[in-house]
Amino acid sequence: MMSSLTGKTAIITGGASGIGLAISSHFAESGASVAILDFDEASGKSAAKDIESKGGDAYAVKCDVADNSSIASAVSAVHERFGKVDILVNNAGVANIGTATTTSEEDFDRVMRVNVKGVYQCLNAILPIMVESGGGVVLNMSSIAAVTALKDRFAYSASKGAVHTMTYSVAADYLEHGIRCNSICPARVHTPFVDGYLEKNYPDNKEEMFQKLSAVQPIGRMAKPEEIAKLALYLCSEDSSYITGQSFNIDGGYLNLRV
């Protein structure tokens, strides 16, 4: 049986595409009222409309997680609409390819603003609401880049390492307030970002490179966004009420089965 989120209100940042969209859809299907916070306003509204067409309750708000005033405005709008926030999924993020010497300062700062400061600012705005209401659940989207070496992912790995350890801090600091906090560390997931990356860098041999990227995971393929969403649903439901301060690898065997 699918875990239930009936009666819960969930904020999903970056909830209009890829993993975020899959989480938004699964949460709504499980009974949650879903607030989709996304920088792309049109995509957010389209995602919310699609969820509502299937009987779900969704609300799209334009939000730049790197901008504190944008977060404050978005959270205020969500709170006014639903009256509470039970679940926060910090999913919004950006990727970057480069080493310590090939990553520009501009790119490094951009990754940190979105992936690290964005998570902090969402926590800073939403945790007090959860404390006041007596509890809640936070789920951070980390990456296997936080726990193992990946070539050419210097800034991205650093940012996800920060998310990884922020998860533990929040779990420890807010346990007495009835707030659980965990993270998910996926390996490569087949999202529009992957397709865009291949189109940009390998326009003449996209299929070949897609197969190579898929074969990196011992299971022989990339994850589907829906597979990440199902784990997210479990971790944000009462089915996982005894779990906090944990990080879950969902990697097709990448960390332990490569030979």
C-alpha atoms as a PDB file:
ATOM      1  CA  MET A   1       0.000   0.000   0.000  1.00  0.00           C
ATOM      2  CA  MET A   2       1.137   3.548  -0.729  1.00  0.00           C
ATOM      3  CA  SER A   3       2.087   5.575   2.323  1.00  0.00           C
ATOM      4  CA  SER A   4      -0.539   8.145   3.225  1.00  0.00           C
ATOM      5  CA  LEU A   5      -0.099  11.898   3.574  1.00  0.00           C
ATOM      6  CA  THR A   6      -3.791  12.618   3.989  1.00  0.00           C
ATOM      7  CA  GLY A   7      -4.353  15.923   5.738  1.00  0.00           C
ATOM      8  CA  LYS A   8      -0.726  17.042   5.353  1.00  0.00           C
ATOM      9  CA  THR A   9       0.585  20.135   3.604  1.00  0.00           C
ATOM     10  CA  ALA A  10       3.905  19.738   1.804  1.00  0.00           C
ATOM     11  CA  ILE A  11       6.237  22.317   0.290  1.00  0.00           C
ATOM     12  CA  ILE A  12       8.464  20.968  -2.495  1.00  0.00           C
ATOM     13  CA  THR A  13      11.116  23.332  -3.829  1.00  0.00           C
ATOM     14  CA  GLY A  14      11.988  22.803  -7.467  1.00  0.00           C
ATOM     15  CA  GLY A  15       8.732  20.875  -7.597  1.00  0.00           C
ATOM     16  CA  ALA A  16       7.832  21.547 -11.215  1.00  0.00           C
ATOM     17  CA  SER A  17      10.273  19.263 -13.044  1.00  0.00           C
ATOM     18  CA  GLY A  18      12.359  16.122 -12.756  1.00  0.00           C
ATOM     19  CA  ILE A  19      12.566  14.566  -9.298  1.00  0.00           C
ATOM     20  CA  GLY A  20      10.652  17.470  -7.781  1.00  0.00           C
ATOM     21  CA  LEU A  21       7.706  16.991 -10.126  1.00  0.00           C
ATOM     22  CA  ALA A  22       7.612  13.268  -9.383  1.00  0.00           C
ATOM     23  CA  ILE A  23       7.594  14.031  -5.642  1.00  0.00           C
ATOM     24  CA  SER A  24       4.847  16.648  -6.051  1.00  0.00           C
ATOM     25  CA  SER A  25       2.708  14.188  -8.005  1.00  0.00           C
ATOM     26  CA  HIS A  26       3.225  11.255  -5.636  1.00  0.00           C
ATOM     27  CA  PHE A  27       2.564  13.367  -2.556  1.00  0.00           C
ATOM     28  CA  ALA A  28      -0.658  14.736  -4.039  1.00  0.00           C
ATOM     29  CA  GLU A  29      -1.735  11.240  -5.035  1.00  0.00           C
ATOM     30  CA  SER A  30      -1.157  10.124  -1.455  1.00  0.00           C
ATOM     31  CA  GLY A  31      -3.476  12.816  -0.115  1.00  0.00           C
ATOM     32  CA  ALA A  32      -1.217  15.795   0.612  1.00  0.00           C
ATOM     33  CA  SER A  33      -1.940  19.386  -0.288  1.00  0.00           C
ATOM     34  CA  VAL A  34       1.136  20.243  -2.333  1.00  0.00           C
ATOM     35  CA  ALA A  35       2.799  23.637  -2.630  1.00  0.00           C
ATOM     36  CA  ILE A  36       5.113  23.697  -5.645  1.00  0.00           C
ATOM     37  CA  LEU A  37       7.827  26.320  -5.227  1.00  0.00           C
ATOM     38  CA  ASP A  38       9.716  26.783  -8.461  1.00  0.00           C
ATOM     39  CA  PHE A  39      11.744  29.460 -10.206  1.00  0.00           C
ATOM     40  CA  ASP A  40       9.913  28.652 -13.451  1.00  0.00           C
ATOM     41  CA  GLU A  41       6.441  30.060 -12.787  1.00  0.00           C
ATOM     42  CA  ALA A  42       4.885  28.674 -15.965  1.00  0.00           C
ATOM     43  CA  SER A  43       6.127  25.138 -15.268  1.00  0.00           C
ATOM     44  CA  GLY A  44       4.923  25.382 -11.677  1.00  0.00           C
ATOM     45  CA  LYS A  45       1.430  26.380 -12.740  1.00  0.00           C
ATOM     46  CA  SER A  46       1.372  23.657 -15.387  1.00  0.00           C
ATOM     47  CA  ALA A  47       2.403  21.034 -12.822  1.00  0.00           C
ATOM     48  CA  ALA A  48      -0.230  22.206 -10.355  1.00  0.00           C
ATOM     49  CA  LYS A  49      -2.922  22.197 -13.053  1.00  0.00           C
ATOM     50  CA  ASP A  50      -1.995  18.640 -14.043  1.00  0.00           C
ATOM     51  CA  ILE A  51      -2.156  17.455 -10.428  1.00  0.00           C
ATOM     52  CA  GLU A  52      -5.522  19.107  -9.916  1.00  0.00           C
ATOM     53  CA  SER A  53      -6.865  17.530 -13.119  1.00  0.00           C
ATOM     54  CA  LYS A  54      -6.210  14.165 -11.458  1.00  0.00           C
ATOM     55  CA  GLY A  55      -8.067  15.110  -8.301  1.00  0.00           C
ATOM     56  CA  GLY A  56      -5.115  16.373  -6.272  1.00  0.00           C
ATOM     57  CA  ASP A  57      -4.686  19.614  -4.358  1.00  0.00           C
ATOM     58  CA  ALA A  58      -1.781  21.707  -5.632  1.00  0.00           C
ATOM     59  CA  TYR A  59      -0.702  25.326  -5.450  1.00  0.00           C
ATOM     60  CA  ALA A  60       2.150  26.813  -7.474  1.00  0.00           C
ATOM     61  CA  VAL A  61       4.230  29.739  -6.225  1.00  0.00           C
ATOM     62  CA  LYS A  62       7.136  31.339  -8.074  1.00  0.00           C
ATOM     63  CA  CYS A  63      10.188  31.203  -5.824  1.00  0.00           C
ATOM     64  CA  ASP A  64      13.927  31.708  -6.116  1.00  0.00           C
ATOM     65  CA  VAL A  65      15.450  29.798  -3.202  1.00  0.00           C
ATOM     66  CA  ALA A  66      18.617  31.871  -3.514  1.00  0.00           C
ATOM     67  CA  ASP A  67      16.619  35.024  -2.695  1.00  0.00           C
ATOM     68  CA  ASN A  68      15.536  35.346   0.939  1.00  0.00           C
ATOM     69  CA  SER A  69      12.723  37.795   0.172  1.00  0.00           C
ATOM     70  CA  SER A  70      11.371  35.451  -2.503  1.00  0.00           C
ATOM     71  CA  ILE A  71      11.299  32.568  -0.032  1.00  0.00           C
ATOM     72  CA  ALA A  72       9.611  34.683   2.638  1.00  0.00           C
ATOM     73  CA  SER A  73       6.931  35.761   0.171  1.00  0.00           C
ATOM     74  CA  ALA A  74       6.360  32.224  -1.094  1.00  0.00           C
ATOM     75  CA  VAL A  75       6.145  30.670   2.375  1.00  0.00           C
ATOM     76  CA  SER A  76       3.746  33.394   3.479  1.00  0.00           C
ATOM     77  CA  ALA A  77       1.527  32.677   0.480  1.00  0.00           C
ATOM     78  CA  VAL A  78       1.544  28.943   1.193  1.00  0.00           C
ATOM     79  CA  HIS A  79       0.774  29.480   4.874  1.00  0.00           C
ATOM     80  CA  GLU A  80      -2.082  31.813   3.988  1.00  0.00           C
ATOM     81  CA  ARG A  81      -3.477  29.293   1.505  1.00  0.00           C
ATOM     82  CA  PHE A  82      -3.208  26.141   3.653  1.00  0.00           C
ATOM     83  CA  GLY A  83      -2.759  27.444   7.204  1.00  0.00           C
ATOM     84  CA  LYS A  84       0.157  25.139   7.991  1.00  0.00           C
ATOM     85  CA  VAL A  85       3.274  23.399   6.704  1.00  0.00           C
ATOM     86  CA  ASP A  86       3.806  19.783   7.744  1.00  0.00           C
ATOM     87  CA  ILE A  87       6.492  18.731   5.267  1.00  0.00           C
ATOM     88  CA  LEU A  88       9.394  20.500   3.585  1.00  0.00           C
ATOM     89  CA  VAL A  89      11.266  18.849   0.728  1.00  0.00           C
ATOM     90  CA  ASN A  90      14.413  20.783  -0.134  1.00  0.00           C
ATOM     91  CA  ASN A  91      14.779  19.594  -3.709  1.00  0.00           C
ATOM     92  CA  ALA A  92      15.693  22.716  -5.702  1.00  0.00           C
ATOM     93  CA  GLY A  93      19.268  22.671  -6.927  1.00  0.00           C
ATOM     94  CA  VAL A  94      21.648  23.330  -9.781  1.00  0.00           C
ATOM     95  CA  ALA A  95      24.472  21.233 -11.192  1.00  0.00           C
ATOM     96  CA  ASN A  96      27.943  22.214 -12.302  1.00  0.00           C
ATOM     97  CA  ILE A  97      30.778  20.449 -14.083  1.00  0.00           C
ATOM     98  CA  GLY A  98      34.366  21.333 -13.221  1.00  0.00           C
ATOM     99  CA  THR A  99      37.364  20.755 -10.974  1.00  0.00           C
ATOM    100  CA  ALA A 100      38.842  23.034  -8.298  1.00  0.00           C
ATOM    101  CA  THR A 101      40.817  24.845 -11.002  1.00  0.00           C
ATOM    102  CA  THR A 102      38.325  24.853 -13.872  1.00  0.00           C
ATOM    103  CA  THR A 103      35.301  25.981 -11.859  1.00  0.00           C
ATOM    104  CA  SER A 104      34.901  29.740 -12.095  1.00  0.00           C
ATOM    105  CA  GLU A 105      34.235  31.808  -9.002  1.00  0.00           C
ATOM    106  CA  GLU A 106      30.930  32.851 -10.528  1.00  0.00           C
ATOM    107  CA  ASP A 107      29.811  29.240 -11.004  1.00  0.00           C
ATOM    108  CA  PHE A 108      31.020  28.244  -7.548  1.00  0.00           C
ATOM    109  CA  ASP A 109      29.047  31.069  -5.947  1.00  0.00           C
ATOM    110  CA  ARG A 110      25.945  30.239  -7.997  1.00  0.00           C
ATOM    111  CA  VAL A 111      25.985  26.593  -6.882  1.00  0.00           C
ATOM    112  CA  MET A 112      26.462  27.578  -3.242  1.00  0.00           C
ATOM    113  CA  ARG A 113      23.708  30.217  -3.375  1.00  0.00           C
ATOM    114  CA  VAL A 114      21.145  27.762  -4.673  1.00  0.00           C
ATOM    115  CA  ASN A 115      22.198  24.390  -3.252  1.00  0.00           C
ATOM    116  CA  VAL A 116      23.433  25.477   0.173  1.00  0.00           C
ATOM    117  CA  LYS A 117      22.099  28.915   1.045  1.00  0.00           C
ATOM    118  CA  GLY A 118      18.788  28.047  -0.581  1.00  0.00           C
ATOM    119  CA  VAL A 119      18.361  25.062   1.723  1.00  0.00           C
ATOM    120  CA  TYR A 120      19.374  27.147   4.741  1.00  0.00           C
ATOM    121  CA  GLN A 121      16.926  29.916   3.870  1.00  0.00           C
ATOM    122  CA  CYS A 122      14.030  27.484   3.407  1.00  0.00           C
ATOM    123  CA  LEU A 123      14.835  25.836   6.739  1.00  0.00           C
ATOM    124  CA  ASN A 124      15.130  29.231   8.405  1.00  0.00           C
ATOM    125  CA  ALA A 125      11.704  30.273   7.127  1.00  0.00           C
ATOM    126  CA  ILE A 126       9.782  27.031   7.621  1.00  0.00           C
ATOM    127  CA  LEU A 127      11.182  25.373  10.756  1.00  0.00           C
ATOM    128  CA  PRO A 128       9.617  28.022  13.050  1.00  0.00           C
ATOM    129  CA  ILE A 129       6.205  27.242  11.527  1.00  0.00           C
ATOM    130  CA  MET A 130       6.710  23.554  12.244  1.00  0.00           C
ATOM    131  CA  VAL A 131       7.892  24.253  15.791  1.00  0.00           C
ATOM    132  CA  GLU A 132       4.825  26.375  16.473  1.00  0.00           C
ATOM    133  CA  SER A 133       2.492  23.679  15.156  1.00  0.00           C
ATOM    134  CA  GLY A 134       4.172  20.900  17.134  1.00  0.00           C
ATOM    135  CA  GLY A 135       6.218  19.034  14.561  1.00  0.00           C
ATOM    136  CA  GLY A 136       6.874  18.162  10.959  1.00  0.00           C
ATOM    137  CA  VAL A 137       9.183  16.438   8.527  1.00  0.00           C
ATOM    138  CA  VAL A 138      12.121  17.787   6.520  1.00  0.00           C
ATOM    139  CA  LEU A 139      13.609  15.870   3.624  1.00  0.00           C
ATOM    140  CA  ASN A 140      16.754  17.161   1.928  1.00  0.00           C
ATOM    141  CA  MET A 141      17.794  16.063  -1.543  1.00  0.00           C
ATOM    142  CA  SER A 142      21.490  15.280  -1.302  1.00  0.00           C
ATOM    143  CA  SER A 143      23.495  13.100  -3.707  1.00  0.00           C
ATOM    144  CA  ILE A 144      26.012  10.300  -3.764  1.00  0.00           C
ATOM    145  CA  ALA A 145      28.367  13.181  -4.612  1.00  0.00           C
ATOM    146  CA  ALA A 146      28.197  13.993  -0.899  1.00  0.00           C
ATOM    147  CA  VAL A 147      29.593  10.632   0.158  1.00  0.00           C
ATOM    148  CA  THR A 148      31.937   9.510  -2.618  1.00  0.00           C
ATOM    149  CA  ALA A 149      34.347  10.965  -5.159  1.00  0.00           C
ATOM    150  CA  LEU A 150      32.919  12.049  -8.505  1.00  0.00           C
ATOM    151  CA  LYS A 151      35.204  13.490 -11.162  1.00  0.00           C
ATOM    152  CA  ASP A 152      34.543  17.039 -12.386  1.00  0.00           C
ATOM    153  CA  ARG A 153      31.910  17.798  -9.745  1.00  0.00           C
ATOM    154  CA  PHE A 154      33.921  19.980  -7.358  1.00  0.00           C
ATOM    155  CA  ALA A 155      31.355  22.687  -6.547  1.00  0.00           C
ATOM    156  CA  TYR A 156      28.372  20.367  -6.789  1.00  0.00           C
ATOM    157  CA  SER A 157      29.968  17.799  -4.463  1.00  0.00           C
ATOM    158  CA  ALA A 158      30.868  20.515  -1.966  1.00  0.00           C
ATOM    159  CA  SER A 159      27.311  21.808  -1.971  1.00  0.00           C
ATOM    160  CA  LYS A 160      25.764  18.396  -1.468  1.00  0.00           C
ATOM    161  CA  GLY A 161      28.240  17.651   1.308  1.00  0.00           C
ATOM    162  CA  ALA A 162      26.872  20.714   3.077  1.00  0.00           C
ATOM    163  CA  VAL A 163      23.289  19.544   2.577  1.00  0.00           C
ATOM    164  CA  HIS A 164      24.301  16.130   3.922  1.00  0.00           C
ATOM    165  CA  THR A 165      25.634  17.527   7.191  1.00  0.00           C
ATOM    166  CA  MET A 166      22.876  20.132   7.561  1.00  0.00           C
ATOM    167  CA  THR A 167      20.502  17.189   7.631  1.00  0.00           C
ATOM    168  CA  TYR A 168      22.186  15.807  10.734  1.00  0.00           C
ATOM    169  CA  SER A 169      22.244  19.207  12.433  1.00  0.00           C
ATOM    170  CA  VAL A 170      18.545  19.828  11.874  1.00  0.00           C
ATOM    171  CA  ALA A 171      17.675  16.313  13.062  1.00  0.00           C
ATOM    172  CA  ALA A 172      19.600  16.878  16.291  1.00  0.00           C
ATOM    173  CA  ASP A 173      18.482  20.443  16.941  1.00  0.00           C
ATOM    174  CA  TYR A 174      14.763  19.914  16.335  1.00  0.00           C
ATOM    175  CA  LEU A 175      14.150  16.408  17.634  1.00  0.00           C
ATOM    176  CA  GLU A 176      12.620  17.798  20.842  1.00  0.00           C
ATOM    177  CA  HIS A 177      10.202  19.818  18.734  1.00  0.00           C
ATOM    178  CA  GLY A 178       8.805  16.727  17.018  1.00  0.00           C
ATOM    179  CA  ILE A 179      10.572  17.404  13.722  1.00  0.00           C
ATOM    180  CA  ARG A 180      12.269  14.615  11.805  1.00  0.00           C
ATOM    181  CA  CYS A 181      14.926  15.322   9.172  1.00  0.00           C
ATOM    182  CA  ASN A 182      16.475  12.904   6.679  1.00  0.00           C
ATOM    183  CA  SER A 183      18.135  13.059   3.284  1.00  0.00           C
ATOM    184  CA  ILE A 184      18.206  11.063   0.072  1.00  0.00           C
ATOM    185  CA  CYS A 185      21.415  10.493  -1.912  1.00  0.00           C
ATOM    186  CA  PRO A 186      20.578   9.403  -5.460  1.00  0.00           C
ATOM    187  CA  ALA A 187      23.008   8.300  -8.111  1.00  0.00           C
ATOM    188  CA  ARG A 188      22.250   9.440 -11.667  1.00  0.00           C
ATOM    189  CA  VAL A 189      18.542   9.975 -12.335  1.00  0.00           C
ATOM    190  CA  HIS A 190      17.065  10.304 -15.829  1.00  0.00           C
ATOM    191  CA  THR A 191      15.669  13.830 -15.739  1.00  0.00           C
ATOM    192  CA  PRO A 192      15.393  16.656 -18.294  1.00  0.00           C
ATOM    193  CA  PHE A 193      18.782  17.856 -17.014  1.00  0.00           C
ATOM    194  CA  VAL A 194      20.447  14.679 -18.319  1.00  0.00           C
ATOM    195  CA  ASP A 195      18.773  15.049 -21.693  1.00  0.00           C
ATOM    196  CA  GLY A 196      19.831  18.695 -21.888  1.00  0.00           C
ATOM    197  CA  TYR A 197      23.389  17.823 -20.897  1.00  0.00           C
ATOM    198  CA  LEU A 198      23.619  15.219 -23.662  1.00  0.00           C
ATOM    199  CA  GLU A 199      22.054  17.518 -26.238  1.00  0.00           C
ATOM    200  CA  LYS A 200      24.529  20.273 -25.404  1.00  0.00           C
ATOM    201  CA  ASN A 201      27.711  18.228 -25.094  1.00  0.00           C
ATOM    202  CA  TYR A 202      27.117  15.164 -27.282  1.00  0.00           C
ATOM    203  CA  PRO A 203      24.633  16.158 -30.025  1.00  0.00           C
ATOM    204  CA  ASP A 204      26.032  13.638 -32.509  1.00  0.00           C
ATOM    205  CA  ASN A 205      26.156  10.582 -30.234  1.00  0.00           C
ATOM    206  CA  LYS A 206      23.498  11.156 -27.577  1.00  0.00           C
ATOM    207  CA  GLU A 207      22.315   7.563 -27.508  1.00  0.00           C
ATOM    208  CA  GLU A 208      25.821   6.161 -27.107  1.00  0.00           C
ATOM    209  CA  MET A 209      26.604   8.529 -24.243  1.00  0.00           C
ATOM    210  CA  PHE A 210      23.240   7.850 -22.616  1.00  0.00           C
ATOM    211  CA  GLN A 211      24.083   4.153 -22.526  1.00  0.00           C
ATOM    212  CA  LYS A 212      27.520   4.883 -21.082  1.00  0.00           C
ATOM    213  CA  LEU A 213      26.052   7.046 -18.342  1.00  0.00           C
ATOM    214  CA  SER A 214      23.462   4.383 -17.605  1.00  0.00           C
ATOM    215  CA  ALA A 215      26.055   1.604 -17.396  1.00  0.00           C
ATOM    216  CA  VAL A 216      27.938   3.419 -14.616  1.00  0.00           C
ATOM    217  CA  GLN A 217      25.288   2.135 -12.221  1.00  0.00           C
ATOM    218  CA  PRO A 218      25.802  -1.606 -11.675  1.00  0.00           C
ATOM    219  CA  ILE A 219      22.071  -2.153 -12.000  1.00  0.00           C
ATOM    220  CA  GLY A 220      22.518  -1.097 -15.640  1.00  0.00           C
ATOM    221  CA  ARG A 221      20.336   1.998 -15.865  1.00  0.00           C
ATOM    222  CA  MET A 222      19.628   5.397 -14.360  1.00  0.00           C
ATOM    223  CA  ALA A 223      16.970   5.803 -11.711  1.00  0.00           C
ATOM    224  CA  LYS A 224      13.521   7.011 -12.671  1.00  0.00           C
ATOM    225  CA  PRO A 225      12.291  10.158 -10.878  1.00  0.00           C
ATOM    226  CA  GLU A 226       9.310   8.148  -9.647  1.00  0.00           C
ATOM    227  CA  GLU A 227      11.634   5.752  -7.825  1.00  0.00           C
ATOM    228  CA  ILE A 228      13.152   8.638  -5.874  1.00  0.00           C
ATOM    229  CA  ALA A 229       9.670   9.994  -5.195  1.00  0.00           C
ATOM    230  CA  LYS A 230       8.513   6.717  -3.665  1.00  0.00           C
ATOM    231  CA  LEU A 231      11.363   6.791  -1.155  1.00  0.00           C
ATOM    232  CA  ALA A 232      10.610  10.448  -0.432  1.00  0.00           C
ATOM    233  CA  LEU A 233       6.966   9.591   0.198  1.00  0.00           C
ATOM    234  CA  TYR A 234       7.908   6.887   2.692  1.00  0.00           C
ATOM    235  CA  LEU A 235      10.341   9.146   4.551  1.00  0.00           C
ATOM    236  CA  CYS A 236       7.785  11.950   4.834  1.00  0.00           C
ATOM    237  CA  SER A 237       4.942   9.719   6.000  1.00  0.00           C
ATOM    238  CA  GLU A 238       4.114   8.249   9.390  1.00  0.00           C
ATOM    239  CA  ASP A 239       5.356   4.905   8.067  1.00  0.00           C
ATOM    240  CA  SER A 240       8.873   6.187   8.839  1.00  0.00           C
ATOM    241  CA  SER A 241       8.009   7.806  12.181  1.00  0.00           C
ATOM    242  CA  TYR A 242      11.029   6.168  13.895  1.00  0.00           C
ATOM    243  CA  ILE A 243      13.547   7.411  11.323  1.00  0.00           C
ATOM    244  CA  THR A 244      15.456  10.679  11.705  1.00  0.00           C
ATOM    245  CA  GLY A 245      19.007  11.901  11.179  1.00  0.00           C
ATOM    246  CA  GLN A 246      19.589   9.387   8.391  1.00  0.00           C
ATOM    247  CA  SER A 247      20.834   9.508   4.814  1.00  0.00           C
ATOM    248  CA  PHE A 248      19.518   7.010   2.289  1.00  0.00           C
ATOM    249  CA  ASN A 249      21.537   6.002  -0.769  1.00  0.00           C
ATOM    250  CA  ILE A 250      19.415   5.107  -3.781  1.00  0.00           C
ATOM    251  CA  ASP A 251      22.100   4.369  -6.317  1.00  0.00           C
ATOM    252  CA  GLY A 252      21.552   1.164  -8.272  1.00  0.00           C
ATOM    253  CA  GLY A 253      24.547  -0.374  -6.510  1.00  0.00           C
ATOM    254  CA  TYR A 254      26.944   2.458  -7.390  1.00  0.00           C
ATOM    255  CA  LEU A 255      28.599   2.771  -3.994  1.00  0.00           C
ATOM    256  CA  ASN A 256      29.006  -0.871  -3.021  1.00  0.00           C
ATOM    257  CA  LEU A 257      28.751  -3.064  -6.095  1.00  0.00           C
ATOM    258  CA  ARG A 258      31.154  -1.548  -8.599  1.00  0.00           C
ATOM    259  CA  VAL A 259      34.099  -3.829  -9.433  1.00  0.00           C
END
